[in-house]
Amino acid sequence: APPSAGAAADRAEPGPSRGRERLPEAGYLIFGDSFSRIFSLVRHAEIGIKPYKGGSAKGLTKPGNTNREDIAKTLAQRPGTHTAVFVFGSVDVHMSYYYCKYGREPPEEIDLEAIARAYVAFVAGLPGPAQRLVVGAYPSSLIEAESVPKSVAAYGVLSEAQAARVDLADCSLAARQGRTRAFNAALRAACAEHAAVDFVDICDEMLDPATLQLRPAYLDISTCNIHVVWETTILLWLQRLPWLRERTDSRFESRMRRSLSRYLRDKELEMAAKGIAITRVHESEGG
């Protein structure tokens, strides 16, 4: 597996994990990599989040994997769970791909279709009567191909020397978004084979179809940040998931605007303190 992706500073890793908070005995349990923490913006007693830093879909397919065992144990202890949500795959598509090809000797081509099938089989075989919902991988947030080697090095996936050998053809938007869509298509097909497993993704809604770039609303001001903007993304999820929308109130959207403003202010200060030039402004600030 690639090294931990916590080397680059972004909002998805710092602070206490919500996984340490009390989880509901009945309701909605969300398991996933750092992208799952987007759902932590919805604070409700019936929603619990268990994030696994650097967690991959491939890891869950391996017997003895600690994340795999923890998820199975958590669900077995909560037979009243209504729906178990799984947010894995972005690590495989956007990080493990480069680690396997440029960080291993000999190089390896990752088989994303096989990973998707085995991951969904794991989800389908988990204990308990809960409905299962697999969330598709998020599209790549990086715009320029040249940002990809910098990002995988910053996140500790590759060394600086390994990143320097990355073929930029592997980093084009068409290649990256194509891998995401192919992986999500494999997930969708695998989920269709199991009555208790549903699939959802918001990839198309987040992308500009003409450029394949992430739409400005979801784009972070850091050009190497692999994460999407939480506050705008959660509003998109409210449109797609009625059970999530029903657990917010009429002031939720205004709170998200304030939260985004605070995040952008803190991010700008952080980047300035590190001497990182700010070349992108979020659309909420007139960008």
Protein backbone atom coordinates (compact mmCIF):
# COMPACT_ATOMS: atom_id res chain seq x y z
CA ALA A 1 0.00 0.00 0.00
CA PRO A 2 1.13 3.58 -0.52
CA PRO A 3 2.47 5.53 2.45
CA SER A 4 0.02 7.51 4.53
CA ALA A 5 -1.43 10.47 2.65
CA GLY A 6 -1.21 12.80 5.63
CA ALA A 7 1.93 14.67 4.63
CA ALA A 8 0.17 17.55 2.90
CA ALA A 9 -1.74 19.96 5.07
CA ASP A 10 -5.45 20.04 4.35
CA ARG A 11 -8.62 20.02 6.37
CA ALA A 12 -9.40 16.34 5.96
CA GLU A 13 -6.83 15.03 8.42
CA PRO A 14 -6.23 17.38 11.40
CA GLY A 15 -8.20 17.24 14.62
CA PRO A 16 -9.87 14.38 16.47
CA SER A 17 -11.51 11.72 14.36
CA ARG A 18 -15.26 11.52 14.52
CA GLY A 19 -14.71 7.78 14.63
CA ARG A 20 -13.99 8.22 18.34
CA GLU A 21 -17.43 9.65 18.97
CA ARG A 22 -20.37 7.52 20.01
CA LEU A 23 -21.94 5.80 17.04
CA PRO A 24 -25.71 5.33 16.79
CA GLU A 25 -27.15 1.91 17.58
CA ALA A 26 -29.73 2.46 14.86
CA GLY A 27 -29.47 4.86 11.94
CA TYR A 28 -26.80 5.55 9.35
CA LEU A 29 -23.15 4.53 9.67
CA ILE A 30 -20.68 6.04 7.21
CA PHE A 31 -17.34 4.28 6.73
CA GLY A 32 -14.66 5.64 4.46
CA ASP A 33 -11.38 7.36 3.71
CA SER A 34 -10.85 11.05 4.44
CA PHE A 35 -13.54 12.00 1.89
CA SER A 36 -16.14 10.45 4.21
CA ARG A 37 -15.59 13.27 6.68
CA ILE A 38 -17.52 15.59 4.37
CA PHE A 39 -20.63 13.99 5.89
CA SER A 40 -19.53 15.09 9.36
CA LEU A 41 -20.90 18.54 8.48
CA VAL A 42 -24.36 17.06 9.12
CA ARG A 43 -24.55 16.71 12.88
CA HIS A 44 -27.34 14.34 13.84
CA ALA A 45 -27.71 11.65 16.48
CA GLU A 46 -28.72 9.09 13.84
CA ILE A 47 -25.60 9.62 11.71
CA GLY A 48 -22.20 8.24 12.67
CA ILE A 49 -18.90 8.56 10.81
CA LYS A 50 -15.94 6.15 11.01
CA PRO A 51 -13.11 7.57 8.88
CA TYR A 52 -9.98 5.54 8.17
CA LYS A 53 -7.02 7.73 7.30
CA GLY A 54 -5.54 6.64 3.97
CA GLY A 55 -8.05 3.77 3.75
CA SER A 56 -8.32 2.11 0.36
CA ALA A 57 -10.93 -0.10 -1.28
CA LYS A 58 -8.23 -2.64 -2.09
CA GLY A 59 -7.25 -2.86 1.57
CA LEU A 60 -10.78 -3.91 2.47
CA THR A 61 -10.52 -6.89 0.13
CA LYS A 62 -7.63 -8.43 2.10
CA PRO A 63 -8.35 -10.83 5.00
CA GLY A 64 -6.76 -9.53 8.18
CA ASN A 65 -6.93 -5.87 7.09
CA THR A 66 -7.59 -3.84 10.25
CA ASN A 67 -10.12 -1.53 8.57
CA ARG A 68 -11.98 -4.54 7.19
CA GLU A 69 -12.13 -6.18 10.61
CA ASP A 70 -13.20 -2.98 12.36
CA ILE A 71 -16.06 -2.35 9.92
CA ALA A 72 -17.35 -5.92 10.30
CA LYS A 73 -17.12 -5.70 14.10
CA THR A 74 -18.89 -2.32 14.18
CA LEU A 75 -21.82 -3.57 12.11
CA ALA A 76 -22.08 -6.86 14.00
CA GLN A 77 -22.41 -4.87 17.23
CA ARG A 78 -25.17 -2.69 15.74
CA PRO A 79 -27.80 -4.94 14.14
CA GLY A 80 -30.27 -2.05 14.22
CA THR A 81 -28.29 -0.05 11.64
CA HIS A 82 -30.62 1.15 8.87
CA THR A 83 -28.00 1.88 6.21
CA ALA A 84 -24.23 1.40 6.07
CA VAL A 85 -22.52 3.84 3.69
CA PHE A 86 -19.08 3.15 2.20
CA VAL A 87 -16.85 5.92 0.85
CA PHE A 88 -13.70 4.23 -0.42
CA GLY A 89 -11.93 4.25 -3.77
CA SER A 90 -10.48 7.74 -4.15
CA VAL A 91 -7.18 6.56 -2.64
CA ASP A 92 -7.04 3.69 -5.14
CA VAL A 93 -7.87 5.81 -8.18
CA HIS A 94 -5.90 8.96 -7.40
CA MET A 95 -2.97 7.72 -5.29
CA SER A 96 -2.43 3.96 -5.44
CA TYR A 97 -2.44 4.14 -9.25
CA TYR A 98 0.74 6.27 -9.16
CA TYR A 99 2.30 4.35 -6.28
CA CYS A 100 1.90 1.02 -8.09
CA LYS A 101 3.25 2.35 -11.36
CA TYR A 102 6.04 4.64 -10.13
CA GLY A 103 6.72 3.65 -6.53
CA ARG A 104 7.05 -0.13 -6.85
CA GLU A 105 9.80 -2.30 -8.30
CA PRO A 106 8.89 -3.79 -10.65
CA PRO A 107 6.14 -1.35 -11.65
CA GLU A 108 2.57 -2.63 -11.49
CA GLU A 109 -0.60 -1.63 -13.31
CA ILE A 110 -3.40 -1.45 -10.77
CA ASP A 111 -6.51 -3.45 -11.68
CA LEU A 112 -9.26 -1.06 -10.64
CA GLU A 113 -12.06 -3.25 -12.04
CA ALA A 114 -10.95 -6.23 -9.95
CA ILE A 115 -10.66 -4.01 -6.87
CA ALA A 116 -14.20 -2.69 -7.44
CA ARG A 117 -15.65 -6.21 -7.68
CA ALA A 118 -13.86 -7.49 -4.58
CA TYR A 119 -14.69 -4.34 -2.57
CA VAL A 120 -18.40 -4.63 -3.32
CA ALA A 121 -18.31 -8.35 -2.52
CA PHE A 122 -16.87 -7.45 0.89
CA VAL A 123 -19.62 -4.87 1.47
CA ALA A 124 -22.32 -7.35 0.42
CA GLY A 125 -20.99 -10.01 2.78
CA LEU A 126 -20.89 -7.89 5.92
CA PRO A 127 -22.99 -9.01 8.91
CA GLY A 128 -26.39 -7.58 9.74
CA PRO A 129 -29.56 -6.69 7.85
CA ALA A 130 -28.58 -3.08 7.04
CA GLN A 131 -28.99 -1.80 3.52
CA ARG A 132 -25.60 -0.91 2.05
CA LEU A 133 -24.77 2.15 -0.05
CA VAL A 134 -21.50 2.40 -1.98
CA VAL A 135 -20.44 5.94 -2.87
CA GLY A 136 -18.43 6.37 -6.06
CA ALA A 137 -14.93 7.81 -6.07
CA TYR A 138 -14.68 11.57 -6.37
CA PRO A 139 -13.24 13.10 -9.54
CA SER A 140 -9.71 14.45 -9.51
CA SER A 141 -9.59 17.99 -8.16
CA LEU A 142 -6.22 18.84 -9.72
CA ILE A 143 -6.39 20.98 -12.85
CA GLU A 144 -2.90 21.01 -14.33
CA ALA A 145 -1.13 17.77 -15.17
CA GLU A 146 2.03 19.21 -13.61
CA SER A 147 0.23 19.44 -10.25
CA VAL A 148 -0.17 15.65 -10.00
CA PRO A 149 3.48 14.68 -9.33
CA LYS A 150 3.76 17.56 -6.86
CA SER A 151 0.61 16.41 -5.07
CA VAL A 152 1.51 12.72 -4.78
CA ALA A 153 4.91 13.73 -3.42
CA ALA A 154 3.36 16.19 -0.96
CA TYR A 155 1.00 13.49 0.32
CA GLY A 156 3.87 11.03 0.77
CA VAL A 157 2.66 8.62 -1.92
CA LEU A 158 5.90 8.96 -3.89
CA SER A 159 9.32 10.31 -3.05
CA GLU A 160 10.49 13.44 -4.84
CA ALA A 161 12.72 11.30 -7.06
CA GLN A 162 9.88 8.92 -7.92
CA ALA A 163 7.51 11.80 -8.62
CA ALA A 164 10.03 13.30 -11.04
CA ARG A 165 9.71 10.15 -13.17
CA VAL A 166 5.93 10.31 -13.51
CA ASP A 167 4.84 10.51 -17.15
CA LEU A 168 2.64 13.59 -17.55
CA ALA A 169 0.50 11.65 -20.03
CA ASP A 170 -0.62 9.65 -17.00
CA CYS A 171 -1.62 12.92 -15.34
CA SER A 172 -3.87 14.47 -17.97
CA LEU A 173 -7.40 15.37 -16.92
CA ALA A 174 -8.81 12.98 -19.50
CA ALA A 175 -6.74 10.11 -18.08
CA ARG A 176 -7.55 10.91 -14.45
CA GLN A 177 -11.27 11.50 -14.86
CA GLY A 178 -11.43 8.51 -17.19
CA ARG A 179 -9.99 6.27 -14.46
CA THR A 180 -12.51 7.65 -11.98
CA ARG A 181 -15.44 7.01 -14.29
CA ALA A 182 -14.22 3.51 -15.21
CA PHE A 183 -13.84 2.61 -11.52
CA ASN A 184 -17.29 3.98 -10.71
CA ALA A 185 -18.81 2.08 -13.64
CA ALA A 186 -17.25 -1.11 -12.28
CA LEU A 187 -18.65 -0.31 -8.83
CA ARG A 188 -22.11 0.31 -10.26
CA ALA A 189 -22.06 -2.99 -12.17
CA ALA A 190 -20.88 -4.92 -9.11
CA CYS A 191 -23.52 -3.33 -6.85
CA ALA A 192 -26.24 -4.28 -9.35
CA GLU A 193 -25.46 -7.93 -8.64
CA HIS A 194 -26.42 -7.60 -4.95
CA ALA A 195 -29.98 -6.74 -3.87
CA ALA A 196 -28.83 -5.20 -0.58
CA VAL A 197 -26.16 -2.94 -2.13
CA ASP A 198 -27.01 0.36 -3.81
CA PHE A 199 -24.66 2.72 -5.63
CA VAL A 200 -24.54 6.50 -5.92
CA ASP A 201 -22.02 9.00 -7.23
CA ILE A 202 -21.95 12.71 -7.97
CA CYS A 203 -19.03 12.73 -10.39
CA ASP A 204 -20.99 14.10 -13.34
CA GLU A 205 -22.56 16.87 -11.25
CA MET A 206 -19.15 17.99 -10.01
CA LEU A 207 -17.45 18.14 -13.42
CA ASP A 208 -17.65 20.64 -16.25
CA PRO A 209 -18.37 18.32 -19.21
CA ALA A 210 -16.56 20.59 -21.66
CA THR A 211 -13.26 20.78 -19.78
CA LEU A 212 -13.48 17.78 -17.37
CA GLN A 213 -12.36 20.17 -14.64
CA LEU A 214 -13.99 20.24 -11.25
CA ARG A 215 -16.62 22.97 -11.25
CA PRO A 216 -15.40 26.10 -9.40
CA ALA A 217 -17.83 25.63 -6.49
CA TYR A 218 -16.03 22.43 -5.46
CA LEU A 219 -12.46 23.54 -6.16
CA ASP A 220 -10.11 24.28 -3.26
CA ILE A 221 -7.81 27.30 -3.40
CA SER A 222 -4.77 25.02 -2.99
CA THR A 223 -3.72 23.75 -6.42
CA CYS A 224 -2.28 20.50 -5.00
CA ASN A 225 -5.14 19.61 -2.64
CA ILE A 226 -6.76 16.33 -3.69
CA HIS A 227 -9.86 17.10 -1.61
CA VAL A 228 -12.98 18.89 -2.79
CA VAL A 229 -14.58 21.77 -0.90
CA TRP A 230 -16.67 20.21 1.85
CA GLU A 231 -19.44 22.76 2.24
CA THR A 232 -20.52 22.93 -1.39
CA THR A 233 -20.17 19.17 -1.79
CA ILE A 234 -22.41 18.38 1.19
CA LEU A 235 -25.11 20.61 -0.31
CA LEU A 236 -24.93 18.50 -3.45
CA TRP A 237 -25.29 15.35 -1.35
CA LEU A 238 -28.42 16.80 0.28
CA GLN A 239 -29.99 16.89 -3.19
CA ARG A 240 -29.09 13.25 -3.87
CA LEU A 241 -29.76 11.65 -0.47
CA PRO A 242 -33.21 12.41 0.98
CA TRP A 243 -32.38 10.78 4.33
CA LEU A 244 -29.44 13.14 4.72
CA ARG A 245 -31.48 16.22 3.78
CA GLU A 246 -34.19 15.23 6.27
CA ARG A 247 -31.62 15.41 9.06
CA THR A 248 -30.73 19.07 8.47
CA ASP A 249 -32.65 22.20 9.35
CA SER A 250 -33.56 25.38 7.49
CA ARG A 251 -30.38 27.13 8.67
CA PHE A 252 -28.00 24.48 7.40
CA GLU A 253 -27.11 26.20 4.12
CA SER A 254 -26.33 29.51 5.83
CA ARG A 255 -24.12 27.66 8.32
CA MET A 256 -22.26 26.09 5.42
CA ARG A 257 -21.60 29.51 3.90
CA ARG A 258 -20.13 30.71 7.20
CA SER A 259 -18.12 27.51 7.59
CA LEU A 260 -16.68 27.88 4.09
CA SER A 261 -15.73 31.48 4.75
CA ARG A 262 -13.86 30.47 7.91
CA TYR A 263 -12.11 27.61 6.13
CA LEU A 264 -10.95 29.82 3.26
CA ARG A 265 -9.68 32.47 5.66
CA ASP A 266 -7.73 29.88 7.65
CA LYS A 267 -6.40 28.23 4.49
CA GLU A 268 -5.18 31.55 3.10
CA LEU A 269 -3.36 32.30 6.35
CA GLU A 270 -1.82 28.82 6.40
CA MET A 271 -0.61 29.10 2.81
CA ALA A 272 0.79 32.59 3.41
CA ALA A 273 2.66 31.40 6.51
CA LYS A 274 4.28 28.66 4.42
CA GLY A 275 5.19 31.06 1.65
CA ILE A 276 2.83 29.38 -0.82
CA ALA A 277 1.49 31.76 -3.45
CA ILE A 278 -2.30 31.90 -3.67
CA THR A 279 -3.14 31.74 -7.36
CA ARG A 280 -6.77 30.69 -7.13
CA VAL A 281 -9.75 32.35 -5.45
CA HIS A 282 -12.88 30.40 -4.59
CA GLU A 283 -16.01 31.54 -6.41
CA SER A 284 -17.68 32.40 -3.08
CA GLU A 285 -15.05 35.13 -2.72
CA GLY A 286 -15.52 36.42 -6.21
CA GLY A 287 -13.17 34.02 -7.96
